[in-house]
Amino acid sequence: MRFNHIANRVNPGHFQTVVDMFVKQLGFVELRRTNRAVWLRQPGANVDLQLSGSDTGHRDQDRERSQISFLSGTPEADLNRLAAWLAARGLRAHVGAYSGREFYLDAPEAFVDFVVEAMLPELAAYDVVA
């Protein structure tokens, strides 16, 4: 088997705003859409992101442990920019930190089971040949 995509759940009321964030702010391209889900890819990546609408009233309390993760030279600043972009569209968002090198963005009304993480590139410098 070969890894293809990962799926995360988004509140349907904020679904298009979250898709727009990935497309307009992070450069993702929409690959396919159904009435409940969208598949996205960031150019240069080889794994896709599926966002699925979920009207569950339950929000995972520990969703900080489930991330859509990005590398960035300025992770906190980049996430603060995304939080401001979401806030300008009426969606409450905040940035937290796992450490001084890895941060996360949460939009609790929209993200059901994940946060968006940004971390310094050196944290992904593994001594493994793939």
N, C-alpha and C. Protein backbone atom coordinates (compact mmCIF):
# COMPACT_ATOMS: atom_id res chain seq x y z
N MET A 1 0.84 -1.18 0.00
CA MET A 1 0.00 0.00 0.00
C MET A 1 0.88 1.24 0.00
N ARG A 2 0.36 2.31 -0.59
CA ARG A 2 1.09 3.57 -0.65
C ARG A 2 0.22 4.67 -0.04
N PHE A 3 0.80 5.48 0.83
CA PHE A 3 0.10 6.55 1.52
C PHE A 3 -0.46 7.54 0.51
N ASN A 4 -1.74 7.87 0.64
CA ASN A 4 -2.40 8.75 -0.33
C ASN A 4 -2.87 10.06 0.27
N HIS A 5 -3.67 10.00 1.35
CA HIS A 5 -4.18 11.23 1.94
C HIS A 5 -4.53 11.02 3.40
N ILE A 6 -4.79 12.13 4.05
CA ILE A 6 -5.27 12.13 5.42
C ILE A 6 -6.55 12.94 5.44
N ALA A 7 -7.51 12.55 6.27
CA ALA A 7 -8.80 13.25 6.32
C ALA A 7 -9.03 13.83 7.72
N ASN A 8 -9.56 15.03 7.75
CA ASN A 8 -9.92 15.69 9.00
C ASN A 8 -11.32 16.27 8.86
N ARG A 9 -11.96 16.46 10.01
CA ARG A 9 -13.35 16.91 10.03
C ARG A 9 -13.46 18.40 10.34
N VAL A 10 -14.38 19.06 9.61
CA VAL A 10 -14.63 20.49 9.75
C VAL A 10 -16.13 20.70 9.91
N ASN A 11 -16.51 21.63 10.77
CA ASN A 11 -17.91 21.99 10.94
C ASN A 11 -18.43 22.53 9.61
N PRO A 12 -19.56 22.00 9.11
CA PRO A 12 -20.09 22.45 7.82
C PRO A 12 -20.36 23.96 7.74
N GLY A 13 -20.69 24.58 8.85
CA GLY A 13 -20.95 26.02 8.85
C GLY A 13 -19.73 26.86 8.56
N HIS A 14 -18.56 26.29 8.72
CA HIS A 14 -17.30 27.01 8.48
C HIS A 14 -16.46 26.31 7.42
N PHE A 15 -17.06 25.34 6.75
CA PHE A 15 -16.32 24.50 5.81
C PHE A 15 -15.63 25.32 4.72
N GLN A 16 -16.37 26.18 4.04
CA GLN A 16 -15.78 26.93 2.93
C GLN A 16 -14.71 27.90 3.40
N THR A 17 -14.89 28.47 4.58
CA THR A 17 -13.86 29.37 5.12
C THR A 17 -12.56 28.61 5.35
N VAL A 18 -12.65 27.40 5.90
CA VAL A 18 -11.45 26.59 6.15
C VAL A 18 -10.80 26.18 4.82
N VAL A 19 -11.62 25.78 3.85
CA VAL A 19 -11.08 25.45 2.52
C VAL A 19 -10.39 26.68 1.93
N ASP A 20 -11.03 27.83 2.02
CA ASP A 20 -10.43 29.06 1.50
C ASP A 20 -9.10 29.37 2.18
N MET A 21 -8.99 29.10 3.48
CA MET A 21 -7.73 29.34 4.17
C MET A 21 -6.62 28.48 3.56
N PHE A 22 -6.90 27.21 3.34
CA PHE A 22 -5.88 26.34 2.75
C PHE A 22 -5.55 26.74 1.32
N VAL A 23 -6.55 27.15 0.55
CA VAL A 23 -6.33 27.51 -0.85
C VAL A 23 -5.71 28.90 -0.98
N LYS A 24 -6.34 29.90 -0.39
CA LYS A 24 -5.92 31.29 -0.59
C LYS A 24 -4.72 31.71 0.25
N GLN A 25 -4.56 31.11 1.43
CA GLN A 25 -3.47 31.52 2.31
C GLN A 25 -2.27 30.56 2.28
N LEU A 26 -2.52 29.28 1.96
CA LEU A 26 -1.44 28.29 2.01
C LEU A 26 -1.14 27.67 0.65
N GLY A 27 -1.82 28.13 -0.39
CA GLY A 27 -1.48 27.72 -1.75
C GLY A 27 -1.95 26.34 -2.18
N PHE A 28 -2.86 25.74 -1.44
CA PHE A 28 -3.37 24.42 -1.84
C PHE A 28 -4.22 24.55 -3.09
N VAL A 29 -4.33 23.45 -3.83
CA VAL A 29 -5.15 23.36 -5.03
C VAL A 29 -6.27 22.37 -4.74
N GLU A 30 -7.48 22.74 -5.13
CA GLU A 30 -8.60 21.82 -4.95
C GLU A 30 -8.56 20.76 -6.04
N LEU A 31 -8.55 19.49 -5.63
CA LEU A 31 -8.45 18.37 -6.56
C LEU A 31 -9.82 17.80 -6.92
N ARG A 32 -10.67 17.67 -5.91
CA ARG A 32 -11.97 17.04 -6.12
C ARG A 32 -12.89 17.49 -4.99
N ARG A 33 -14.20 17.54 -5.29
CA ARG A 33 -15.17 17.94 -4.28
C ARG A 33 -16.43 17.11 -4.43
N THR A 34 -16.98 16.70 -3.30
CA THR A 34 -18.29 16.07 -3.26
C THR A 34 -19.18 16.95 -2.38
N ASN A 35 -20.39 16.51 -2.12
CA ASN A 35 -21.26 17.34 -1.28
C ASN A 35 -20.82 17.35 0.17
N ARG A 36 -19.93 16.44 0.59
CA ARG A 36 -19.48 16.37 1.98
C ARG A 36 -18.00 16.58 2.20
N ALA A 37 -17.21 16.60 1.12
CA ALA A 37 -15.76 16.62 1.32
C ALA A 37 -15.05 17.30 0.16
N VAL A 38 -13.82 17.70 0.43
CA VAL A 38 -12.95 18.27 -0.60
C VAL A 38 -11.55 17.68 -0.40
N TRP A 39 -10.87 17.42 -1.51
CA TRP A 39 -9.49 16.92 -1.49
C TRP A 39 -8.60 18.05 -1.99
N LEU A 40 -7.53 18.32 -1.24
CA LEU A 40 -6.63 19.43 -1.53
C LEU A 40 -5.19 18.92 -1.58
N ARG A 41 -4.37 19.63 -2.35
CA ARG A 41 -2.94 19.32 -2.41
C ARG A 41 -2.15 20.62 -2.49
N GLN A 42 -1.08 20.69 -1.72
CA GLN A 42 -0.16 21.82 -1.81
C GLN A 42 0.86 21.46 -2.87
N PRO A 43 1.08 22.33 -3.87
CA PRO A 43 2.05 22.01 -4.91
C PRO A 43 3.39 21.59 -4.31
N GLY A 44 3.94 20.51 -4.85
CA GLY A 44 5.20 19.97 -4.36
C GLY A 44 5.03 18.86 -3.34
N ALA A 45 3.83 18.73 -2.79
CA ALA A 45 3.57 17.67 -1.81
C ALA A 45 3.13 16.40 -2.54
N ASN A 46 3.27 15.28 -1.88
CA ASN A 46 2.83 14.03 -2.48
C ASN A 46 1.80 13.30 -1.63
N VAL A 47 1.26 13.98 -0.64
CA VAL A 47 0.17 13.47 0.19
C VAL A 47 -0.92 14.53 0.19
N ASP A 48 -2.17 14.09 0.04
CA ASP A 48 -3.29 15.03 -0.05
C ASP A 48 -3.99 15.19 1.30
N LEU A 49 -4.74 16.26 1.39
CA LEU A 49 -5.55 16.56 2.57
C LEU A 49 -7.01 16.51 2.16
N GLN A 50 -7.77 15.70 2.85
CA GLN A 50 -9.21 15.67 2.65
C GLN A 50 -9.87 16.35 3.84
N LEU A 51 -10.76 17.28 3.58
CA LEU A 51 -11.56 17.88 4.63
C LEU A 51 -12.98 17.40 4.44
N SER A 52 -13.57 16.87 5.51
CA SER A 52 -14.92 16.35 5.45
C SER A 52 -15.81 17.14 6.40
N GLY A 53 -16.99 17.49 5.93
CA GLY A 53 -17.95 18.17 6.77
C GLY A 53 -18.48 17.23 7.84
N SER A 54 -18.54 17.71 9.07
CA SER A 54 -19.03 16.91 10.19
C SER A 54 -19.82 17.82 11.11
N ASP A 55 -21.10 17.52 11.26
CA ASP A 55 -21.94 18.36 12.12
C ASP A 55 -22.03 17.83 13.54
N THR A 56 -21.03 17.05 13.94
CA THR A 56 -21.01 16.56 15.30
C THR A 56 -20.94 17.74 16.28
N GLY A 57 -21.68 17.64 17.34
CA GLY A 57 -21.63 18.68 18.37
C GLY A 57 -20.44 18.51 19.28
N HIS A 58 -19.82 17.34 19.24
CA HIS A 58 -18.67 17.04 20.09
C HIS A 58 -17.38 17.48 19.41
N ARG A 59 -16.61 18.28 20.09
CA ARG A 59 -15.29 18.68 19.61
C ARG A 59 -14.26 17.95 20.46
N ASP A 60 -13.34 17.27 19.81
CA ASP A 60 -12.32 16.54 20.55
C ASP A 60 -11.56 17.50 21.47
N GLN A 61 -11.56 17.20 22.77
CA GLN A 61 -10.90 18.07 23.75
C GLN A 61 -9.39 18.11 23.56
N ASP A 62 -8.81 17.04 23.07
CA ASP A 62 -7.35 17.01 22.91
C ASP A 62 -6.96 17.08 21.44
N ARG A 63 -7.71 17.85 20.64
CA ARG A 63 -7.41 17.93 19.20
C ARG A 63 -6.04 18.53 18.93
N GLU A 64 -5.41 19.18 19.92
CA GLU A 64 -4.04 19.68 19.72
C GLU A 64 -3.07 18.55 19.41
N ARG A 65 -3.44 17.34 19.73
CA ARG A 65 -2.58 16.18 19.49
C ARG A 65 -2.78 15.59 18.10
N SER A 66 -3.69 16.18 17.33
CA SER A 66 -3.95 15.74 15.96
C SER A 66 -3.78 16.97 15.07
N GLN A 67 -2.69 17.00 14.31
CA GLN A 67 -2.35 18.21 13.58
C GLN A 67 -2.27 18.00 12.08
N ILE A 68 -2.54 19.08 11.38
CA ILE A 68 -2.13 19.23 9.99
C ILE A 68 -0.90 20.12 10.10
N SER A 69 0.27 19.57 9.82
CA SER A 69 1.51 20.22 10.20
C SER A 69 2.27 20.81 9.01
N PHE A 70 2.89 21.96 9.26
CA PHE A 70 3.67 22.68 8.26
C PHE A 70 5.03 23.05 8.83
N LEU A 71 6.00 23.19 7.95
CA LEU A 71 7.32 23.70 8.33
C LEU A 71 7.38 25.18 7.99
N SER A 72 8.03 25.95 8.85
CA SER A 72 8.11 27.39 8.64
C SER A 72 9.31 27.95 9.39
N GLY A 73 9.96 28.92 8.80
CA GLY A 73 11.03 29.64 9.49
C GLY A 73 10.49 30.58 10.54
N THR A 74 9.22 30.94 10.43
CA THR A 74 8.56 31.84 11.38
C THR A 74 7.20 31.25 11.76
N PRO A 75 7.19 30.12 12.45
CA PRO A 75 5.94 29.41 12.68
C PRO A 75 4.89 30.20 13.47
N GLU A 76 5.29 30.85 14.54
CA GLU A 76 4.32 31.58 15.35
C GLU A 76 3.72 32.73 14.56
N ALA A 77 4.55 33.49 13.87
CA ALA A 77 4.07 34.61 13.08
C ALA A 77 3.14 34.15 11.96
N ASP A 78 3.48 33.05 11.30
CA ASP A 78 2.63 32.54 10.23
C ASP A 78 1.27 32.11 10.75
N LEU A 79 1.24 31.46 11.90
CA LEU A 79 -0.04 31.05 12.47
C LEU A 79 -0.85 32.25 12.96
N ASN A 80 -0.18 33.25 13.50
CA ASN A 80 -0.89 34.47 13.91
C ASN A 80 -1.52 35.16 12.71
N ARG A 81 -0.84 35.11 11.58
CA ARG A 81 -1.41 35.69 10.35
C ARG A 81 -2.67 34.93 9.94
N LEU A 82 -2.62 33.59 10.02
CA LEU A 82 -3.81 32.80 9.70
C LEU A 82 -4.94 33.05 10.69
N ALA A 83 -4.61 33.18 11.96
CA ALA A 83 -5.63 33.47 12.98
C ALA A 83 -6.31 34.80 12.69
N ALA A 84 -5.53 35.81 12.31
CA ALA A 84 -6.11 37.12 11.96
C ALA A 84 -6.98 37.01 10.71
N TRP A 85 -6.56 36.22 9.74
CA TRP A 85 -7.34 36.03 8.52
C TRP A 85 -8.68 35.38 8.86
N LEU A 86 -8.66 34.36 9.70
CA LEU A 86 -9.91 33.71 10.12
C LEU A 86 -10.79 34.67 10.91
N ALA A 87 -10.20 35.42 11.83
CA ALA A 87 -10.97 36.37 12.64
C ALA A 87 -11.64 37.42 11.77
N ALA A 88 -10.97 37.86 10.71
CA ALA A 88 -11.55 38.84 9.80
C ALA A 88 -12.77 38.28 9.07
N ARG A 89 -12.91 36.95 9.08
CA ARG A 89 -14.06 36.29 8.45
C ARG A 89 -15.04 35.78 9.49
N GLY A 90 -14.91 36.28 10.71
CA GLY A 90 -15.86 35.97 11.76
C GLY A 90 -15.64 34.66 12.49
N LEU A 91 -14.47 34.07 12.34
CA LEU A 91 -14.19 32.78 12.98
C LEU A 91 -13.14 32.97 14.07
N ARG A 92 -13.53 32.71 15.30
CA ARG A 92 -12.61 32.84 16.43
C ARG A 92 -11.48 31.83 16.29
N ALA A 93 -10.24 32.29 16.44
CA ALA A 93 -9.07 31.43 16.34
C ALA A 93 -8.00 31.94 17.30
N HIS A 94 -7.18 31.01 17.77
CA HIS A 94 -6.08 31.41 18.65
C HIS A 94 -4.86 30.53 18.37
N VAL A 95 -3.71 31.07 18.72
CA VAL A 95 -2.44 30.37 18.55
C VAL A 95 -1.93 29.97 19.93
N GLY A 96 -1.50 28.72 20.03
CA GLY A 96 -0.88 28.20 21.24
C GLY A 96 0.50 27.66 20.89
N ALA A 97 1.21 27.17 21.91
CA ALA A 97 2.57 26.66 21.67
C ALA A 97 2.77 25.32 22.36
N TYR A 98 3.42 24.42 21.66
CA TYR A 98 3.90 23.18 22.27
C TYR A 98 5.26 23.42 22.90
N SER A 99 6.03 24.30 22.25
CA SER A 99 7.37 24.66 22.72
C SER A 99 7.71 25.99 22.04
N GLY A 100 8.93 26.46 22.21
CA GLY A 100 9.37 27.68 21.53
C GLY A 100 9.67 27.47 20.05
N ARG A 101 9.52 26.24 19.58
CA ARG A 101 9.83 25.93 18.19
C ARG A 101 8.64 25.35 17.43
N GLU A 102 7.55 25.04 18.13
CA GLU A 102 6.37 24.45 17.50
C GLU A 102 5.11 25.05 18.11
N PHE A 103 4.23 25.49 17.21
CA PHE A 103 3.04 26.23 17.59
C PHE A 103 1.83 25.63 16.90
N TYR A 104 0.63 25.98 17.39
CA TYR A 104 -0.58 25.49 16.74
C TYR A 104 -1.65 26.57 16.68
N LEU A 105 -2.47 26.45 15.69
CA LEU A 105 -3.63 27.32 15.48
C LEU A 105 -4.88 26.49 15.70
N ASP A 106 -5.77 26.98 16.54
CA ASP A 106 -7.05 26.31 16.74
C ASP A 106 -8.17 27.28 16.42
N ALA A 107 -9.16 26.76 15.75
CA ALA A 107 -10.42 27.47 15.48
C ALA A 107 -11.51 26.53 15.97
N PRO A 108 -11.82 26.56 17.26
CA PRO A 108 -12.65 25.53 17.88
C PRO A 108 -14.04 25.33 17.27
N GLU A 109 -14.64 26.38 16.76
CA GLU A 109 -15.96 26.23 16.15
C GLU A 109 -15.88 25.54 14.79
N ALA A 110 -14.72 25.50 14.18
CA ALA A 110 -14.56 24.94 12.84
C ALA A 110 -13.83 23.60 12.84
N PHE A 111 -12.71 23.53 13.55
CA PHE A 111 -11.89 22.31 13.54
C PHE A 111 -12.47 21.31 14.54
N VAL A 112 -12.94 20.17 14.06
CA VAL A 112 -13.54 19.16 14.92
C VAL A 112 -12.47 18.32 15.61
N ASP A 113 -11.49 17.85 14.86
CA ASP A 113 -10.56 16.85 15.39
C ASP A 113 -9.10 17.16 15.09
N PHE A 114 -8.76 18.42 14.89
CA PHE A 114 -7.37 18.76 14.56
C PHE A 114 -7.09 20.22 14.86
N VAL A 115 -5.82 20.57 14.82
CA VAL A 115 -5.34 21.94 14.79
C VAL A 115 -4.36 22.05 13.63
N VAL A 116 -3.99 23.26 13.30
CA VAL A 116 -2.96 23.48 12.28
C VAL A 116 -1.68 23.80 13.03
N GLU A 117 -0.65 23.00 12.78
CA GLU A 117 0.63 23.17 13.45
C GLU A 117 1.64 23.78 12.49
N ALA A 118 2.53 24.59 13.03
CA ALA A 118 3.70 25.08 12.27
C ALA A 118 4.91 24.93 13.19
N MET A 119 5.98 24.41 12.60
CA MET A 119 7.19 24.19 13.39
C MET A 119 8.42 24.53 12.57
N LEU A 120 9.49 24.77 13.27
CA LEU A 120 10.74 25.09 12.60
C LEU A 120 11.23 23.89 11.78
N PRO A 121 11.81 24.14 10.61
CA PRO A 121 12.25 23.05 9.73
C PRO A 121 13.21 22.06 10.37
N GLU A 122 14.05 22.52 11.29
CA GLU A 122 15.02 21.58 11.87
C GLU A 122 14.36 20.45 12.66
N LEU A 123 13.12 20.65 13.06
CA LEU A 123 12.41 19.59 13.78
C LEU A 123 12.03 18.43 12.86
N ALA A 124 12.12 18.64 11.56
CA ALA A 124 11.81 17.58 10.60
C ALA A 124 13.07 17.11 9.88
N ALA A 125 14.24 17.44 10.41
CA ALA A 125 15.50 16.99 9.81
C ALA A 125 15.85 15.64 10.42
N TYR A 126 15.30 14.59 9.82
CA TYR A 126 15.51 13.23 10.33
C TYR A 126 16.72 12.60 9.65
N ASP A 127 17.41 11.76 10.38
CA ASP A 127 18.56 11.04 9.83
C ASP A 127 18.12 9.72 9.22
N VAL A 128 17.13 9.80 8.34
CA VAL A 128 16.58 8.61 7.70
C VAL A 128 16.54 8.86 6.20
N VAL A 129 16.98 7.90 5.43
CA VAL A 129 16.90 8.00 4.00
C VAL A 129 15.62 7.30 3.56
N ALA A 130 14.75 8.05 2.88
CA ALA A 130 13.46 7.47 2.46
C ALA A 130 13.53 6.98 1.04
